[in-house]
């Protein structure tokens, strides 16, 4: 997937700071999942995380609220 601009991924009311934090957290989850299951990293975790956000699989507000509640 081509890299979309951040403005194309974040929704109204979401800050770019929250987006960066959410991408970093999701990338860590992806890297941990691959490591825990002894899977080879087919691509960089940040790229995989960005693809998830761009496709709508993961949303900024869901990930940030989920982690901040703990």
PDB file of N, CA and C in Angstrom:
ATOM      1  N   UNK A   1       0.849  -1.172   0.000  1.00  0.00           N
ATOM      2  CA  UNK A   1       0.000   0.000   0.000  1.00  0.00           C
ATOM      3  C   UNK A   1       0.897   1.237   0.000  1.00  0.00           C
ATOM      4  N   UNK A   2       0.502   2.232  -0.769  1.00  0.00           N
ATOM      5  CA  UNK A   2       1.223   3.494  -0.757  1.00  0.00           C
ATOM      6  C   UNK A   2       0.975   4.188   0.565  1.00  0.00           C
ATOM      7  N   UNK A   3       1.915   4.958   0.990  1.00  0.00           N
ATOM      8  CA  UNK A   3       1.770   5.646   2.271  1.00  0.00           C
ATOM      9  C   UNK A   3       0.786   6.802   2.140  1.00  0.00           C
ATOM     10  N   UNK A   4      -0.337   6.716   2.810  1.00  0.00           N
ATOM     11  CA  UNK A   4      -1.264   7.851   2.790  1.00  0.00           C
ATOM     12  C   UNK A   4      -0.788   8.932   3.757  1.00  0.00           C
ATOM     13  N   UNK A   5      -1.212  10.139   3.518  1.00  0.00           N
ATOM     14  CA  UNK A   5      -0.867  11.236   4.415  1.00  0.00           C
ATOM     15  C   UNK A   5      -1.599  11.060   5.737  1.00  0.00           C
ATOM     16  N   UNK A   6      -0.980  11.564   6.796  1.00  0.00           N
ATOM     17  CA  UNK A   6      -1.602  11.470   8.117  1.00  0.00           C
ATOM     18  C   UNK A   6      -2.985  12.101   8.102  1.00  0.00           C
ATOM     19  N   UNK A   7      -3.153  13.185   7.376  1.00  0.00           N
ATOM     20  CA  UNK A   7      -4.448  13.871   7.323  1.00  0.00           C
ATOM     21  C   UNK A   7      -5.521  13.014   6.672  1.00  0.00           C
ATOM     22  N   UNK A   8      -5.126  12.019   5.880  1.00  0.00           N
ATOM     23  CA  UNK A   8      -6.093  11.113   5.275  1.00  0.00           C
ATOM     24  C   UNK A   8      -6.500   9.989   6.231  1.00  0.00           C
ATOM     25  N   UNK A   9      -5.696   9.744   7.231  1.00  0.00           N
ATOM     26  CA  UNK A   9      -5.965   8.638   8.151  1.00  0.00           C
ATOM     27  C   UNK A   9      -6.712   9.102   9.395  1.00  0.00           C
ATOM     28  N   UNK A  10      -6.268  10.202  10.002  1.00  0.00           N
ATOM     29  CA  UNK A  10      -6.908  10.636  11.241  1.00  0.00           C
ATOM     30  C   UNK A  10      -8.267  11.253  10.937  1.00  0.00           C
ATOM     31  N   UNK A  11      -9.170  11.066  11.870  1.00  0.00           N
ATOM     32  CA  UNK A  11     -10.529  11.572  11.708  1.00  0.00           C
ATOM     33  C   UNK A  11     -10.672  12.899  12.431  1.00  0.00           C
ATOM     34  N   UNK A  12     -11.760  13.559  12.159  1.00  0.00           N
ATOM     35  CA  UNK A  12     -12.025  14.848  12.784  1.00  0.00           C
ATOM     36  C   UNK A  12     -12.052  14.698  14.305  1.00  0.00           C
ATOM     37  N   UNK A  13     -11.382  15.572  14.990  1.00  0.00           N
ATOM     38  CA  UNK A  13     -11.337  15.544  16.443  1.00  0.00           C
ATOM     39  C   UNK A  13     -10.170  14.756  17.011  1.00  0.00           C
ATOM     40  N   UNK A  14      -9.416  14.057  16.178  1.00  0.00           N
ATOM     41  CA  UNK A  14      -8.265  13.302  16.642  1.00  0.00           C
ATOM     42  C   UNK A  14      -7.006  14.132  16.404  1.00  0.00           C
ATOM     43  N   UNK A  15      -6.135  14.135  17.362  1.00  0.00           N
ATOM     44  CA  UNK A  15      -4.906  14.927  17.226  1.00  0.00           C
ATOM     45  C   UNK A  15      -3.814  14.096  16.561  1.00  0.00           C
ATOM     46  N   UNK A  16      -2.886  14.789  15.952  1.00  0.00           N
ATOM     47  CA  UNK A  16      -1.767  14.089  15.324  1.00  0.00           C
ATOM     48  C   UNK A  16      -0.890  13.426  16.390  1.00  0.00           C
ATOM     49  N   UNK A  17      -0.818  14.025  17.572  1.00  0.00           N
ATOM     50  CA  UNK A  17      -0.056  13.418  18.670  1.00  0.00           C
ATOM     51  C   UNK A  17      -0.676  12.069  19.054  1.00  0.00           C
ATOM     52  N   UNK A  18      -1.994  12.034  19.202  1.00  0.00           N
ATOM     53  CA  UNK A  18      -2.681  10.789  19.547  1.00  0.00           C
ATOM     54  C   UNK A  18      -2.469   9.742  18.455  1.00  0.00           C
ATOM     55  N   UNK A  19      -2.431  10.186  17.215  1.00  0.00           N
ATOM     56  CA  UNK A  19      -2.207   9.264  16.099  1.00  0.00           C
ATOM     57  C   UNK A  19      -0.822   8.623  16.187  1.00  0.00           C
ATOM     58  N   UNK A  20       0.186   9.431  16.442  1.00  0.00           N
ATOM     59  CA  UNK A  20       1.556   8.925  16.536  1.00  0.00           C
ATOM     60  C   UNK A  20       1.684   7.944  17.700  1.00  0.00           C
ATOM     61  N   UNK A  21       1.085   8.273  18.836  1.00  0.00           N
ATOM     62  CA  UNK A  21       1.124   7.389  20.001  1.00  0.00           C
ATOM     63  C   UNK A  21       0.409   6.074  19.689  1.00  0.00           C
ATOM     64  N   UNK A  22      -0.748   6.161  19.046  1.00  0.00           N
ATOM     65  CA  UNK A  22      -1.516   4.962  18.717  1.00  0.00           C
ATOM     66  C   UNK A  22      -0.766   4.068  17.731  1.00  0.00           C
ATOM     67  N   UNK A  23      -0.133   4.661  16.739  1.00  0.00           N
ATOM     68  CA  UNK A  23       0.648   3.873  15.772  1.00  0.00           C
ATOM     69  C   UNK A  23       1.805   3.177  16.483  1.00  0.00           C
ATOM     70  N   UNK A  24       2.483   3.885  17.362  1.00  0.00           N
ATOM     71  CA  UNK A  24       3.608   3.283  18.092  1.00  0.00           C
ATOM     72  C   UNK A  24       3.136   2.132  18.975  1.00  0.00           C
ATOM     73  N   UNK A  25       2.013   2.317  19.650  1.00  0.00           N
ATOM     74  CA  UNK A  25       1.486   1.245  20.511  1.00  0.00           C
ATOM     75  C   UNK A  25       1.073   0.026  19.690  1.00  0.00           C
ATOM     76  N   UNK A  26       0.399   0.274  18.581  1.00  0.00           N
ATOM     77  CA  UNK A  26      -0.044  -0.840  17.741  1.00  0.00           C
ATOM     78  C   UNK A  26       1.156  -1.552  17.110  1.00  0.00           C
ATOM     79  N   UNK A  27       2.170  -0.799  16.724  1.00  0.00           N
ATOM     80  CA  UNK A  27       3.381  -1.403  16.168  1.00  0.00           C
ATOM     81  C   UNK A  27       4.048  -2.300  17.206  1.00  0.00           C
ATOM     82  N   UNK A  28       4.065  -1.871  18.457  1.00  0.00           N
ATOM     83  CA  UNK A  28       4.636  -2.691  19.530  1.00  0.00           C
ATOM     84  C   UNK A  28       3.824  -3.967  19.704  1.00  0.00           C
ATOM     85  N   UNK A  29       2.487  -3.870  19.639  1.00  0.00           N
ATOM     86  CA  UNK A  29       1.634  -5.061  19.742  1.00  0.00           C
ATOM     87  C   UNK A  29       1.937  -6.042  18.617  1.00  0.00           C
ATOM     88  N   UNK A  30       2.092  -5.522  17.413  1.00  0.00           N
ATOM     89  CA  UNK A  30       2.389  -6.367  16.257  1.00  0.00           C
ATOM     90  C   UNK A  30       3.747  -7.043  16.435  1.00  0.00           C
ATOM     91  N   UNK A  31       4.760  -6.286  16.824  1.00  0.00           N
ATOM     92  CA  UNK A  31       6.100  -6.847  17.017  1.00  0.00           C
ATOM     93  C   UNK A  31       6.090  -7.909  18.115  1.00  0.00           C
ATOM     94  N   UNK A  32       5.386  -7.644  19.205  1.00  0.00           N
ATOM     95  CA  UNK A  32       5.302  -8.617  20.293  1.00  0.00           C
ATOM     96  C   UNK A  32       4.586  -9.886  19.850  1.00  0.00           C
ATOM     97  N   UNK A  33       3.522  -9.739  19.075  1.00  0.00           N
ATOM     98  CA  UNK A  33       2.779 -10.894  18.579  1.00  0.00           C
ATOM     99  C   UNK A  33       3.672 -11.761  17.703  1.00  0.00           C
ATOM    100  N   UNK A  34       4.400 -11.123  16.781  1.00  0.00           N
ATOM    101  CA  UNK A  34       5.297 -11.878  15.903  1.00  0.00           C
ATOM    102  C   UNK A  34       6.387 -12.561  16.701  1.00  0.00           C
ATOM    103  N   UNK A  35       6.934 -11.883  17.700  1.00  0.00           N
ATOM    104  CA  UNK A  35       8.001 -12.472  18.513  1.00  0.00           C
ATOM    105  C   UNK A  35       7.474 -13.621  19.370  1.00  0.00           C
ATOM    106  N   UNK A  36       6.304 -13.439  19.977  1.00  0.00           N
ATOM    107  CA  UNK A  36       5.729 -14.479  20.840  1.00  0.00           C
ATOM    108  C   UNK A  36       5.390 -15.747  20.068  1.00  0.00           C
ATOM    109  N   UNK A  37       5.023 -15.602  18.804  1.00  0.00           N
ATOM    110  CA  UNK A  37       4.640 -16.748  17.982  1.00  0.00           C
ATOM    111  C   UNK A  37       5.768 -17.219  17.062  1.00  0.00           C
ATOM    112  N   UNK A  38       6.983 -16.729  17.323  1.00  0.00           N
ATOM    113  CA  UNK A  38       8.160 -17.112  16.533  1.00  0.00           C
ATOM    114  C   UNK A  38       7.922 -16.983  15.031  1.00  0.00           C
ATOM    115  N   UNK A  39       7.258 -15.904  14.658  1.00  0.00           N
ATOM    116  CA  UNK A  39       6.973 -15.639  13.248  1.00  0.00           C
ATOM    117  C   UNK A  39       8.017 -14.666  12.710  1.00  0.00           C
ATOM    118  N   UNK A  40       8.462 -14.869  11.481  1.00  0.00           N
ATOM    119  CA  UNK A  40       9.419 -13.914  10.901  1.00  0.00           C
ATOM    120  C   UNK A  40       8.718 -12.596  10.597  1.00  0.00           C
ATOM    121  N   UNK A  41       9.447 -11.527  10.755  1.00  0.00           N
ATOM    122  CA  UNK A  41       8.893 -10.213  10.448  1.00  0.00           C
ATOM    123  C   UNK A  41       8.929 -10.027   8.936  1.00  0.00           C
ATOM    124  N   UNK A  42       7.765 -10.074   8.321  1.00  0.00           N
ATOM    125  CA  UNK A  42       7.680  -9.932   6.871  1.00  0.00           C
ATOM    126  C   UNK A  42       7.892  -8.483   6.446  1.00  0.00           C
ATOM    127  N   UNK A  43       7.560  -7.568   7.331  1.00  0.00           N
ATOM    128  CA  UNK A  43       7.743  -6.142   7.078  1.00  0.00           C
ATOM    129  C   UNK A  43       7.904  -5.448   8.412  1.00  0.00           C
ATOM    130  N   UNK A  44       8.213  -4.205   8.392  1.00  0.00           N
ATOM    131  CA  UNK A  44       8.444  -3.479   9.634  1.00  0.00           C
ATOM    132  C   UNK A  44       7.124  -3.282  10.383  1.00  0.00           C
ATOM    133  N   UNK A  45       7.152  -3.392  11.719  1.00  0.00           N
ATOM    134  CA  UNK A  45       5.920  -3.259  12.501  1.00  0.00           C
ATOM    135  C   UNK A  45       5.214  -1.914  12.318  1.00  0.00           C
ATOM    136  N   UNK A  46       5.965  -0.841  12.165  1.00  0.00           N
ATOM    137  CA  UNK A  46       5.336   0.471  11.976  1.00  0.00           C
ATOM    138  C   UNK A  46       4.588   0.514  10.649  1.00  0.00           C
ATOM    139  N   UNK A  47       5.164  -0.083   9.618  1.00  0.00           N
ATOM    140  CA  UNK A  47       4.485  -0.137   8.324  1.00  0.00           C
ATOM    141  C   UNK A  47       3.198  -0.942   8.426  1.00  0.00           C
ATOM    142  N   UNK A  48       3.244  -2.067   9.122  1.00  0.00           N
ATOM    143  CA  UNK A  48       2.052  -2.884   9.314  1.00  0.00           C
ATOM    144  C   UNK A  48       0.994  -2.120  10.114  1.00  0.00           C
ATOM    145  N   UNK A  49       1.427  -1.391  11.135  1.00  0.00           N
ATOM    146  CA  UNK A  49       0.493  -0.611  11.945  1.00  0.00           C
ATOM    147  C   UNK A  49      -0.157   0.495  11.112  1.00  0.00           C
ATOM    148  N   UNK A  50       0.642   1.199  10.321  1.00  0.00           N
ATOM    149  CA  UNK A  50       0.096   2.252   9.466  1.00  0.00           C
ATOM    150  C   UNK A  50      -0.907   1.692   8.465  1.00  0.00           C
ATOM    151  N   UNK A  51      -0.617   0.526   7.919  1.00  0.00           N
ATOM    152  CA  UNK A  51      -1.556  -0.110   6.996  1.00  0.00           C
ATOM    153  C   UNK A  51      -2.878  -0.437   7.689  1.00  0.00           C
ATOM    154  N   UNK A  52      -2.805  -0.898   8.948  1.00  0.00           N
ATOM    155  CA  UNK A  52      -4.024  -1.194   9.706  1.00  0.00           C
ATOM    156  C   UNK A  52      -4.855   0.065   9.939  1.00  0.00           C
ATOM    157  N   UNK A  53      -4.193   1.166  10.246  1.00  0.00           N
ATOM    158  CA  UNK A  53      -4.917   2.422  10.451  1.00  0.00           C
ATOM    159  C   UNK A  53      -5.505   2.928   9.138  1.00  0.00           C
ATOM    160  N   UNK A  54      -4.738   2.859   8.068  1.00  0.00           N
ATOM    161  CA  UNK A  54      -5.199   3.360   6.771  1.00  0.00           C
ATOM    162  C   UNK A  54      -6.378   2.554   6.243  1.00  0.00           C
ATOM    163  N   UNK A  55      -6.392   1.256   6.512  1.00  0.00           N
ATOM    164  CA  UNK A  55      -7.489   0.414   6.026  1.00  0.00           C
ATOM    165  C   UNK A  55      -8.710   0.461   6.930  1.00  0.00           C
ATOM    166  N   UNK A  56      -8.568   1.041   8.109  1.00  0.00           N
ATOM    167  CA  UNK A  56      -9.702   1.149   9.029  1.00  0.00           C
ATOM    168  C   UNK A  56      -9.838  -0.010   9.995  1.00  0.00           C
ATOM    169  N   UNK A  57      -8.894  -0.942   9.989  1.00  0.00           N
ATOM    170  CA  UNK A  57      -8.946  -2.073  10.924  1.00  0.00           C
ATOM    171  C   UNK A  57      -8.783  -1.604  12.360  1.00  0.00           C
ATOM    172  N   UNK A  58      -7.984  -0.566  12.540  1.00  0.00           N
ATOM    173  CA  UNK A  58      -7.710  -0.021  13.863  1.00  0.00           C
ATOM    174  C   UNK A  58      -7.992   1.473  13.813  1.00  0.00           C
ATOM    175  N   UNK A  59      -8.583   1.983  14.892  1.00  0.00           N
ATOM    176  CA  UNK A  59      -8.876   3.416  14.965  1.00  0.00           C
ATOM    177  C   UNK A  59      -8.104   4.027  16.121  1.00  0.00           C
ATOM    178  N   UNK A  60      -7.745   5.274  15.949  1.00  0.00           N
ATOM    179  CA  UNK A  60      -6.929   5.961  16.952  1.00  0.00           C
ATOM    180  C   UNK A  60      -7.647   6.017  18.284  1.00  0.00           C
ATOM    181  N   UNK A  61      -8.886   6.452  18.293  1.00  0.00           N
ATOM    182  CA  UNK A  61      -9.577   6.658  19.567  1.00  0.00           C
ATOM    183  C   UNK A  61      -9.780   5.354  20.334  1.00  0.00           C
ATOM    184  N   UNK A  62      -9.995   4.265  19.638  1.00  0.00           N
ATOM    185  CA  UNK A  62     -10.167   2.977  20.318  1.00  0.00           C
ATOM    186  C   UNK A  62      -8.884   2.527  20.990  1.00  0.00           C
ATOM    187  N   UNK A  63      -7.772   2.649  20.309  1.00  0.00           N
ATOM    188  CA  UNK A  63      -6.495   2.173  20.849  1.00  0.00           C
ATOM    189  C   UNK A  63      -5.994   3.050  21.977  1.00  0.00           C
ATOM    190  N   UNK A  64      -6.109   4.348  21.840  1.00  0.00           N
ATOM    191  CA  UNK A  64      -5.607   5.270  22.866  1.00  0.00           C
ATOM    192  C   UNK A  64      -6.449   5.143  24.133  1.00  0.00           C
ATOM    193  N   UNK A  65      -7.764   5.100  24.015  1.00  0.00           N
ATOM    194  CA  UNK A  65      -8.624   4.976  25.195  1.00  0.00           C
ATOM    195  C   UNK A  65      -8.421   3.643  25.880  1.00  0.00           C
ATOM    196  N   UNK A  66      -8.260   2.561  25.089  1.00  0.00           N
ATOM    197  CA  UNK A  66      -8.059   1.232  25.652  1.00  0.00           C
ATOM    198  C   UNK A  66      -6.807   1.181  26.508  1.00  0.00           C
ATOM    199  N   UNK A  67      -5.720   1.734  26.036  1.00  0.00           N
ATOM    200  CA  UNK A  67      -4.454   1.690  26.761  1.00  0.00           C
ATOM    201  C   UNK A  67      -4.455   2.656  27.942  1.00  0.00           C
ATOM    202  N   UNK A  68      -5.063   3.830  27.792  1.00  0.00           N
ATOM    203  CA  UNK A  68      -5.050   4.817  28.868  1.00  0.00           C
ATOM    204  C   UNK A  68      -5.960   4.431  30.018  1.00  0.00           C
ATOM    205  N   UNK A  69      -6.916   3.551  29.783  1.00  0.00           N
ATOM    206  CA  UNK A  69      -7.835   3.113  30.834  1.00  0.00           C
ATOM    207  C   UNK A  69      -7.137   2.173  31.807  1.00  0.00           C
ATOM    208  N   UNK A  70      -6.066   1.501  31.358  1.00  0.00           N
ATOM    209  CA  UNK A  70      -5.374   0.534  32.215  1.00  0.00           C
ATOM    210  C   UNK A  70      -4.456   1.197  33.141  1.00  0.00           C
TER     211      UNK A  70
END
